[in-house]
């Protein structure tokens, strides 16, 4: 039987030091004494440990690496503006440095194995996107150089936007423009961003004394389309939609058009993200703005500057950007 290859964790255990200390020795980074370096190097030689290709690149002076791990269908990664904005924010922060960005896109089934591998080799650190809170917490127990995009369970560091407040503002706006039958098309349950936006919608309709009318799907165009048609079939008098992300909202607007409903005269639509999509729809889409590029840059800056600590967080405000999809400038819709 072949002998299992020793891991960084094996070296740390044999040397009686932390994995971070071993990583510093391997990468010739500051923070380890000469005595510790000599001891760890002796253990590495005794165990026959060999760093993977990432660690070897670091040791040969090719620069540090920020890992971006996205857990999603690769086809959604290619079509969602959100992931492109995350990537742009990280690259913006790394510009002018020797650091590199390495992107991993993997479906949920393969995520645990990939996260375990990256935890052993992370250098500057890791940005997690669309990773389930429990999985992110497990990763943090292995590697503390990590920030999640979206709220995480304590003590995992995270960057987020005020999702609930943004969703509530969207519903209030729809009400103020005369809408009284306001439905919500939510993202998947268990996703912290989707859950918070659902909470904001529920808070708003309770405060306004409106019925809660909603459906839950996924952050993709097809889901927005199908759920909107289903809601219209069950509630034909709907006159407002809050949709959990811009990509879903494009599906909702298409469903309304296919059902013979004019936007915004017959039904107003507000999305969430304020991505480039929002200004490209017909009519242009009202959307809750979240500064994704700034959020990703803040996460990267915290990793690069080693500012992270347990419970670290950075939360940005959410602001509503009003466009024609929720305001009927022709005056065809009147308050109920």
Protein backbone atom coordinates (compact mmCIF):
# COMPACT_ATOMS: atom_id res chain seq x y z
CA UNK A 1 0.00 0.00 0.00
CA UNK A 2 1.23 3.50 -0.83
CA UNK A 3 2.13 5.72 2.07
CA UNK A 4 -0.02 8.82 2.50
CA UNK A 5 1.80 12.01 1.60
CA UNK A 6 2.48 14.20 4.64
CA UNK A 7 0.52 17.44 4.81
CA UNK A 8 1.26 20.85 6.22
CA UNK A 9 -0.90 19.89 9.21
CA UNK A 10 1.30 16.82 9.78
CA UNK A 11 4.39 19.02 9.82
CA UNK A 12 2.77 21.43 12.27
CA UNK A 13 1.75 18.59 14.60
CA UNK A 14 5.17 16.94 14.49
CA UNK A 15 6.96 20.24 15.08
CA UNK A 16 4.58 21.36 17.81
CA UNK A 17 3.82 24.67 16.09
CA UNK A 18 0.84 26.17 14.29
CA UNK A 19 0.13 25.65 10.59
CA UNK A 20 0.61 29.40 10.15
CA UNK A 21 4.14 29.07 11.55
CA UNK A 22 4.93 26.26 9.12
CA UNK A 23 3.56 28.34 6.26
CA UNK A 24 5.79 31.26 7.27
CA UNK A 25 8.84 29.02 7.24
CA UNK A 26 7.96 27.52 3.85
CA UNK A 27 7.30 30.94 2.33
CA UNK A 28 10.27 32.60 4.07
CA UNK A 29 7.84 35.13 5.55
CA UNK A 30 8.52 37.20 8.67
CA UNK A 31 7.16 36.14 12.05
CA UNK A 32 9.18 33.01 12.83
CA UNK A 33 12.39 32.93 14.88
CA UNK A 34 15.60 31.41 13.54
CA UNK A 35 15.26 28.56 16.03
CA UNK A 36 11.70 27.83 14.88
CA UNK A 37 12.74 27.94 11.24
CA UNK A 38 15.56 25.47 11.81
CA UNK A 39 13.31 23.14 13.79
CA UNK A 40 10.46 23.21 11.23
CA UNK A 41 12.86 22.68 8.33
CA UNK A 42 14.28 19.64 10.10
CA UNK A 43 10.77 18.20 10.55
CA UNK A 44 9.94 18.89 6.88
CA UNK A 45 13.09 17.00 5.85
CA UNK A 46 12.35 14.10 8.20
CA UNK A 47 8.74 13.69 7.03
CA UNK A 48 9.58 14.23 3.38
CA UNK A 49 6.94 16.95 3.10
CA UNK A 50 6.73 18.68 -0.28
CA UNK A 51 4.60 21.83 -0.70
CA UNK A 52 2.17 21.78 -3.61
CA UNK A 53 2.65 23.88 -6.74
CA UNK A 54 1.23 27.02 -5.11
CA UNK A 55 3.62 26.87 -2.18
CA UNK A 56 6.56 26.13 -4.48
CA UNK A 57 5.68 29.17 -6.57
CA UNK A 58 5.64 31.28 -3.43
CA UNK A 59 8.98 29.93 -2.25
CA UNK A 60 10.58 30.68 -5.61
CA UNK A 61 9.56 34.32 -5.42
CA UNK A 62 6.61 34.37 -7.80
CA UNK A 63 4.56 36.43 -5.34
CA UNK A 64 1.80 35.81 -2.85
CA UNK A 65 -1.61 34.47 -3.82
CA UNK A 66 -5.16 35.44 -2.90
CA UNK A 67 -7.52 32.55 -3.52
CA UNK A 68 -11.12 33.26 -4.57
CA UNK A 69 -13.38 30.26 -4.05
CA UNK A 70 -16.86 30.39 -5.56
CA UNK A 71 -19.29 27.55 -4.85
CA UNK A 72 -21.81 27.58 -7.68
CA UNK A 73 -22.66 26.12 -11.05
CA UNK A 74 -19.85 27.21 -13.41
CA UNK A 75 -22.45 28.33 -15.96
CA UNK A 76 -23.89 30.81 -13.43
CA UNK A 77 -20.39 32.08 -12.66
CA UNK A 78 -20.07 32.92 -16.34
CA UNK A 79 -23.38 34.77 -16.59
CA UNK A 80 -23.75 36.50 -13.22
CA UNK A 81 -22.36 40.04 -13.06
CA UNK A 82 -21.91 39.64 -9.30
CA UNK A 83 -18.92 37.30 -9.61
CA UNK A 84 -17.30 39.51 -12.20
CA UNK A 85 -17.62 42.46 -9.81
CA UNK A 86 -16.07 40.45 -6.96
CA UNK A 87 -13.14 39.50 -9.19
CA UNK A 88 -12.72 43.11 -10.35
CA UNK A 89 -12.65 44.37 -6.75
CA UNK A 90 -9.94 41.90 -5.75
CA UNK A 91 -7.79 42.70 -8.79
CA UNK A 92 -8.22 46.43 -8.15
CA UNK A 93 -6.75 46.00 -4.67
CA UNK A 94 -3.89 43.78 -5.89
CA UNK A 95 -2.92 46.13 -8.74
CA UNK A 96 0.71 47.21 -8.54
CA UNK A 97 1.72 44.42 -6.16
CA UNK A 98 3.41 41.07 -6.79
CA UNK A 99 0.36 39.24 -5.51
CA UNK A 100 -1.70 37.02 -7.80
CA UNK A 101 -5.35 36.04 -7.85
CA UNK A 102 -6.25 32.39 -8.23
CA UNK A 103 -9.93 31.61 -8.91
CA UNK A 104 -11.68 28.33 -8.11
CA UNK A 105 -15.27 27.71 -9.23
CA UNK A 106 -16.75 24.48 -7.99
CA UNK A 107 -20.16 22.94 -7.47
CA UNK A 108 -21.38 22.22 -3.95
CA UNK A 109 -20.54 18.51 -3.99
CA UNK A 110 -16.84 19.12 -4.58
CA UNK A 111 -16.50 22.11 -2.25
CA UNK A 112 -15.44 20.37 0.99
CA UNK A 113 -12.48 18.61 -0.65
CA UNK A 114 -11.32 21.76 -2.41
CA UNK A 115 -11.61 23.88 0.74
CA UNK A 116 -9.62 21.32 2.72
CA UNK A 117 -6.86 21.41 0.12
CA UNK A 118 -6.72 25.21 -0.08
CA UNK A 119 -6.63 25.46 3.72
CA UNK A 120 -3.31 23.64 3.63
CA UNK A 121 -1.69 25.93 1.06
CA UNK A 122 -3.19 29.41 1.52
CA UNK A 123 -0.64 32.23 1.50
CA UNK A 124 -2.08 35.74 1.72
CA UNK A 125 -5.52 34.31 2.29
CA UNK A 126 -8.85 33.28 0.86
CA UNK A 127 -12.03 35.07 -0.18
CA UNK A 128 -15.11 32.84 -0.07
CA UNK A 129 -18.19 33.59 -2.18
CA UNK A 130 -21.49 31.73 -1.98
CA UNK A 131 -20.01 29.25 0.50
CA UNK A 132 -22.51 27.90 3.03
CA UNK A 133 -21.98 29.33 6.55
CA UNK A 134 -21.29 25.92 8.09
CA UNK A 135 -18.71 25.11 5.43
CA UNK A 136 -17.07 28.53 5.87
CA UNK A 137 -16.87 27.94 9.63
CA UNK A 138 -15.22 24.57 9.06
CA UNK A 139 -12.70 26.20 6.73
CA UNK A 140 -11.96 28.92 9.30
CA UNK A 141 -11.13 26.25 11.86
CA UNK A 142 -8.40 25.06 9.47
CA UNK A 143 -7.24 28.43 8.10
CA UNK A 144 -7.87 31.80 9.76
CA UNK A 145 -6.76 33.86 6.75
CA UNK A 146 -10.21 34.03 5.22
CA UNK A 147 -13.02 36.51 4.57
CA UNK A 148 -16.48 35.61 3.30
CA UNK A 149 -18.49 37.72 0.89
CA UNK A 150 -21.74 37.86 2.83
CA UNK A 151 -22.58 37.44 6.48
CA UNK A 152 -20.94 34.49 8.22
CA UNK A 153 -21.34 32.72 11.54
CA UNK A 154 -19.09 33.95 14.33
CA UNK A 155 -16.13 34.16 14.53
CA UNK A 156 -15.57 33.99 10.73
CA UNK A 157 -14.61 37.41 9.27
CA UNK A 158 -16.96 38.76 6.61
CA UNK A 159 -17.80 41.67 4.33
CA UNK A 160 -21.45 42.42 3.69
CA UNK A 161 -24.04 45.02 2.75
CA UNK A 162 -27.12 45.96 4.77
CA UNK A 163 -29.29 43.49 2.87
CA UNK A 164 -32.36 43.66 5.09
CA UNK A 165 -32.43 47.47 5.13
CA UNK A 166 -32.03 47.57 1.35
CA UNK A 167 -34.91 45.17 0.79
CA UNK A 168 -37.11 47.10 3.18
CA UNK A 169 -36.32 50.36 1.35
CA UNK A 170 -37.29 48.72 -1.95
CA UNK A 171 -40.71 47.66 -0.64
CA UNK A 172 -41.31 51.05 0.96
CA UNK A 173 -40.54 52.69 -2.38
CA UNK A 174 -43.03 50.45 -4.17
CA UNK A 175 -45.68 51.33 -1.59
CA UNK A 176 -44.97 55.05 -1.83
CA UNK A 177 -45.48 54.90 -5.59
CA UNK A 178 -48.94 53.41 -5.12
CA UNK A 179 -48.37 49.65 -5.14
CA UNK A 180 -50.48 47.63 -2.71
CA UNK A 181 -50.09 44.02 -3.88
CA UNK A 182 -46.32 43.63 -3.59
CA UNK A 183 -44.80 40.19 -4.12
CA UNK A 184 -41.22 39.08 -3.50
CA UNK A 185 -39.11 36.69 -5.55
CA UNK A 186 -36.40 35.45 -3.20
CA UNK A 187 -33.07 33.69 -3.65
CA UNK A 188 -32.34 30.28 -2.19
CA UNK A 189 -32.96 29.50 1.48
CA UNK A 190 -29.79 29.15 3.52
CA UNK A 191 -27.96 31.80 1.51
CA UNK A 192 -27.23 34.57 4.06
CA UNK A 193 -27.82 37.39 1.54
CA UNK A 194 -31.11 35.91 0.34
CA UNK A 195 -32.25 35.24 3.91
CA UNK A 196 -31.51 38.82 4.98
CA UNK A 197 -33.32 40.29 1.97
CA UNK A 198 -36.31 38.09 2.73
CA UNK A 199 -36.25 39.38 6.30
CA UNK A 200 -36.27 42.98 5.02
CA UNK A 201 -39.25 42.29 2.75
CA UNK A 202 -41.17 40.64 5.59
CA UNK A 203 -40.38 43.52 7.93
CA UNK A 204 -41.71 46.02 5.40
CA UNK A 205 -45.00 44.28 4.60
CA UNK A 206 -45.70 43.78 8.31
CA UNK A 207 -45.11 47.47 8.98
CA UNK A 208 -47.32 48.47 6.04
CA UNK A 209 -50.07 45.98 6.85
CA UNK A 210 -49.73 44.24 3.49
CA UNK A 211 -50.05 40.50 2.82
CA UNK A 212 -46.84 38.54 2.39
CA UNK A 213 -46.81 37.07 -1.10
CA UNK A 214 -43.56 35.43 -2.06
CA UNK A 215 -41.75 32.59 -3.75
CA UNK A 216 -38.27 31.14 -3.21
CA UNK A 217 -35.91 30.05 -5.97
CA UNK A 218 -32.31 30.62 -7.03
CA UNK A 219 -30.25 33.64 -7.99
CA UNK A 220 -30.63 33.10 -11.73
CA UNK A 221 -32.72 34.47 -14.58
CA UNK A 222 -34.67 31.26 -15.19
CA UNK A 223 -35.82 31.10 -11.57
CA UNK A 224 -37.04 34.71 -11.65
CA UNK A 225 -39.02 34.01 -14.81
CA UNK A 226 -40.69 30.82 -13.58
CA UNK A 227 -41.52 32.13 -10.11
CA UNK A 228 -43.01 35.34 -11.44
CA UNK A 229 -45.31 33.46 -13.81
CA UNK A 230 -46.36 31.20 -10.92
CA UNK A 231 -47.09 34.18 -8.65
CA UNK A 232 -49.11 35.91 -11.38
CA UNK A 233 -51.18 32.76 -11.95
CA UNK A 234 -52.03 32.59 -8.24
CA UNK A 235 -52.33 36.34 -7.65
CA UNK A 236 -53.32 38.07 -10.91
CA UNK A 237 -53.77 41.43 -9.16
CA UNK A 238 -50.10 41.83 -8.23
CA UNK A 239 -48.82 45.31 -9.03
CA UNK A 240 -45.31 45.32 -7.52
CA UNK A 241 -42.34 42.95 -7.34
CA UNK A 242 -39.26 43.02 -5.16
CA UNK A 243 -36.77 40.58 -6.67
CA UNK A 244 -33.75 39.24 -4.76
CA UNK A 245 -31.11 40.03 -7.41
CA UNK A 246 -30.88 41.80 -10.75
CA UNK A 247 -30.38 38.59 -12.70
CA UNK A 248 -33.60 37.14 -11.28
CA UNK A 249 -35.32 40.48 -11.90
CA UNK A 250 -34.58 40.31 -15.65
CA UNK A 251 -36.46 37.02 -15.64
CA UNK A 252 -39.32 38.62 -13.72
CA UNK A 253 -39.56 41.48 -16.22
CA UNK A 254 -39.61 39.02 -19.13
CA UNK A 255 -42.35 37.00 -17.42
CA UNK A 256 -44.44 40.13 -16.94
CA UNK A 257 -44.01 41.02 -20.61
CA UNK A 258 -44.99 37.50 -21.69
CA UNK A 259 -48.07 37.72 -19.46
CA UNK A 260 -49.10 40.94 -21.17
CA UNK A 261 -48.20 43.19 -18.21
CA UNK A 262 -46.52 46.50 -18.87
CA UNK A 263 -43.64 47.57 -16.61
CA UNK A 264 -44.12 49.82 -14.69
CA UNK A 265 -47.74 50.73 -15.64
CA UNK A 266 -49.25 47.37 -14.62
CA UNK A 267 -46.53 46.12 -12.30
CA UNK A 268 -43.41 47.79 -10.91
CA UNK A 269 -40.15 45.91 -10.42
CA UNK A 270 -37.20 46.56 -8.10
CA UNK A 271 -34.11 44.34 -8.15
CA UNK A 272 -31.08 44.06 -5.88
CA UNK A 273 -27.38 44.60 -6.76
CA UNK A 274 -27.55 47.62 -9.09
CA UNK A 275 -25.27 45.80 -11.51
CA UNK A 276 -24.72 46.83 -15.12
CA UNK A 277 -27.81 44.78 -15.98
CA UNK A 278 -30.05 47.26 -14.19
CA UNK A 279 -29.36 50.11 -16.58
CA UNK A 280 -29.55 47.87 -19.67
CA UNK A 281 -33.08 46.49 -19.29
CA UNK A 282 -36.14 47.98 -20.99
CA UNK A 283 -37.25 49.97 -19.12
CA UNK A 284 -34.15 50.55 -16.96
CA UNK A 285 -34.49 48.70 -13.66
CA UNK A 286 -34.72 50.22 -10.20
CA UNK A 287 -32.33 48.30 -7.94
CA UNK A 288 -30.81 48.34 -4.48
CA UNK A 289 -27.16 49.25 -4.88
CA UNK A 290 -24.50 47.18 -3.17
CA UNK A 291 -20.88 48.25 -3.77
CA UNK A 292 -19.59 44.79 -4.64
CA UNK A 293 -16.24 45.97 -5.98
CA UNK A 294 -15.58 48.00 -2.82
CA UNK A 295 -16.65 45.06 -0.66
CA UNK A 296 -14.27 42.66 -2.42
CA UNK A 297 -11.47 45.23 -2.26
CA UNK A 298 -12.04 45.67 1.49
CA UNK A 299 -11.85 41.90 2.01
CA UNK A 300 -8.62 41.72 0.01
CA UNK A 301 -7.08 44.70 1.79
CA UNK A 302 -7.76 43.08 5.16
CA UNK A 303 -6.02 39.90 3.99
CA UNK A 304 -3.01 41.66 2.47
CA UNK A 305 -2.51 43.97 5.46
CA UNK A 306 -3.08 41.12 7.94
CA UNK A 307 -5.85 43.07 9.66
CA UNK A 308 -8.10 40.10 10.27
CA UNK A 309 -9.10 38.90 13.72
CA UNK A 310 -11.96 36.72 14.97
CA UNK A 311 -15.33 38.47 14.52
CA UNK A 312 -13.85 41.03 12.07
CA UNK A 313 -16.54 42.49 9.83
CA UNK A 314 -17.03 45.30 7.33
CA UNK A 315 -20.63 46.21 6.46
CA UNK A 316 -21.59 48.70 3.74
CA UNK A 317 -24.88 50.62 3.45
CA UNK A 318 -27.43 49.65 0.80
CA UNK A 319 -28.97 52.47 -1.22
CA UNK A 320 -31.92 52.37 -3.61
CA UNK A 321 -31.27 53.50 -7.17
CA UNK A 322 -34.63 54.47 -8.70
CA UNK A 323 -35.17 54.02 -12.44
CA UNK A 324 -38.14 53.65 -14.75
CA UNK A 325 -39.13 50.07 -13.85
CA UNK A 326 -40.77 51.29 -10.64
CA UNK A 327 -41.92 54.81 -11.54
CA UNK A 328 -44.65 55.28 -14.14
CA UNK A 329 -43.83 58.72 -15.54
CA UNK A 330 -46.98 58.57 -17.69
CA UNK A 331 -49.18 58.55 -14.60
CA UNK A 332 -51.02 55.40 -15.58
CA UNK A 333 -50.82 53.80 -12.13
CA UNK A 334 -52.66 55.35 -9.23
CA UNK A 335 -52.38 54.60 -5.50
CA UNK A 336 -54.78 51.90 -4.37
